[in-house]
Amino acid sequence: MKILGIIDGQHDSGACILDNDTLTAAVSEERITRIKLDGGFPYKSIEECFRIAKLKPEDIDLIAVGSYFQPRYLQERLENFNQLKRM
């Protein structure tokens, strides 16, 4: 099972991918944007995790989210993720 983990906190954000209980990629958004404690939705971290793990969005079985934001905010962001899966 491939799991995409997302944390989109107010002061930090990032993503990781677990493949059969093995961590295959983990990236903090601030490492890509070069903005200390970069919060918000980690679009760039997610893209980098897919690149590192050599996966595509359609390969993901489950998404786990830890969030500072309200569910509607996340739903809007994940709808964009679903659009990526259809490409």
Protein backbone atom coordinates (compact mmCIF):
# COMPACT_ATOMS: atom_id res chain seq x y z
CA MET A 1 0.00 0.00 0.00
CA LYS A 2 1.33 3.42 -0.96
CA ILE A 3 0.43 6.28 1.38
CA LEU A 4 0.91 10.00 0.78
CA GLY A 5 1.27 11.86 4.07
CA ILE A 6 0.64 15.62 4.13
CA ILE A 7 1.14 18.15 6.89
CA ASP A 8 0.02 21.69 6.12
CA GLY A 9 0.50 23.62 9.28
CA GLN A 10 0.42 27.32 9.90
CA HIS A 11 4.20 27.48 10.41
CA ASP A 12 5.49 24.40 8.60
CA SER A 13 4.40 22.02 5.88
CA GLY A 14 5.66 18.99 4.03
CA ALA A 15 4.89 15.59 2.58
CA CYS A 16 6.06 12.00 2.67
CA ILE A 17 5.38 8.73 0.91
CA LEU A 18 5.26 5.35 2.60
CA ASP A 19 5.45 2.26 0.43
CA ASN A 20 4.51 -0.92 2.33
CA ASP A 21 5.56 0.61 5.68
CA THR A 22 8.87 1.87 4.25
CA LEU A 23 9.51 5.60 4.07
CA THR A 24 10.53 6.25 0.47
CA ALA A 25 10.42 10.07 0.44
CA ALA A 26 9.98 12.95 2.89
CA VAL A 27 10.36 16.63 2.08
CA SER A 28 9.71 19.82 4.02
CA GLU A 29 8.29 22.65 1.92
CA GLU A 30 10.87 25.11 3.26
CA ARG A 31 13.67 23.05 1.68
CA ILE A 32 12.24 23.70 -1.76
CA THR A 33 10.90 27.25 -1.41
CA ARG A 34 13.85 28.38 0.76
CA ILE A 35 11.37 30.20 3.03
CA LYS A 36 11.94 29.36 6.69
CA LEU A 37 8.89 27.69 8.32
CA ASP A 38 6.92 27.82 5.06
CA GLY A 39 3.30 26.99 5.95
CA GLY A 40 0.28 26.34 3.78
CA PHE A 41 -0.44 23.48 1.43
CA PRO A 42 2.80 21.70 0.39
CA TYR A 43 2.30 21.43 -3.38
CA LYS A 44 6.04 21.47 -4.12
CA SER A 45 6.85 18.92 -1.41
CA ILE A 46 4.25 16.55 -2.82
CA GLU A 47 5.67 16.88 -6.33
CA GLU A 48 9.20 16.27 -5.03
CA CYS A 49 8.10 13.20 -3.06
CA PHE A 50 6.57 11.73 -6.23
CA ARG A 51 9.81 12.42 -8.09
CA ILE A 52 12.00 10.84 -5.38
CA ALA A 53 9.74 7.78 -4.99
CA LYS A 54 9.34 7.45 -8.78
CA LEU A 55 5.55 7.38 -8.44
CA LYS A 56 2.59 9.13 -10.03
CA PRO A 57 -0.54 10.42 -8.25
CA GLU A 58 -2.56 7.46 -9.52
CA ASP A 59 -0.18 5.07 -7.70
CA ILE A 60 -1.30 6.37 -4.29
CA ASP A 61 -3.74 4.18 -2.35
CA LEU A 62 -4.38 6.45 0.64
CA ILE A 63 -3.81 10.06 1.68
CA ALA A 64 -3.22 10.88 5.35
CA VAL A 65 -3.49 14.54 6.35
CA GLY A 66 -2.47 16.41 9.47
CA SER A 67 -3.79 19.93 9.17
CA TYR A 68 -4.08 23.26 10.88
CA PHE A 69 -6.72 24.34 8.36
CA GLN A 70 -10.45 23.67 8.17
CA PRO A 71 -11.74 20.61 6.22
CA ARG A 72 -13.17 22.73 3.38
CA TYR A 73 -9.73 24.21 2.67
CA LEU A 74 -8.26 20.71 2.45
CA GLN A 75 -11.09 19.43 0.29
CA GLU A 76 -10.42 22.18 -2.25
CA ARG A 77 -6.70 21.33 -2.34
CA LEU A 78 -7.32 17.59 -2.64
CA GLU A 79 -9.75 18.18 -5.50
CA ASN A 80 -6.76 19.68 -7.34
CA PHE A 81 -4.83 16.51 -6.46
CA ASN A 82 -7.61 14.39 -7.99
CA GLN A 83 -7.33 16.45 -11.18
CA LEU A 84 -3.66 15.47 -11.34
CA LYS A 85 -4.64 11.80 -11.05
CA ARG A 86 -6.89 12.07 -14.12
CA MET A 87 -4.11 13.39 -16.40
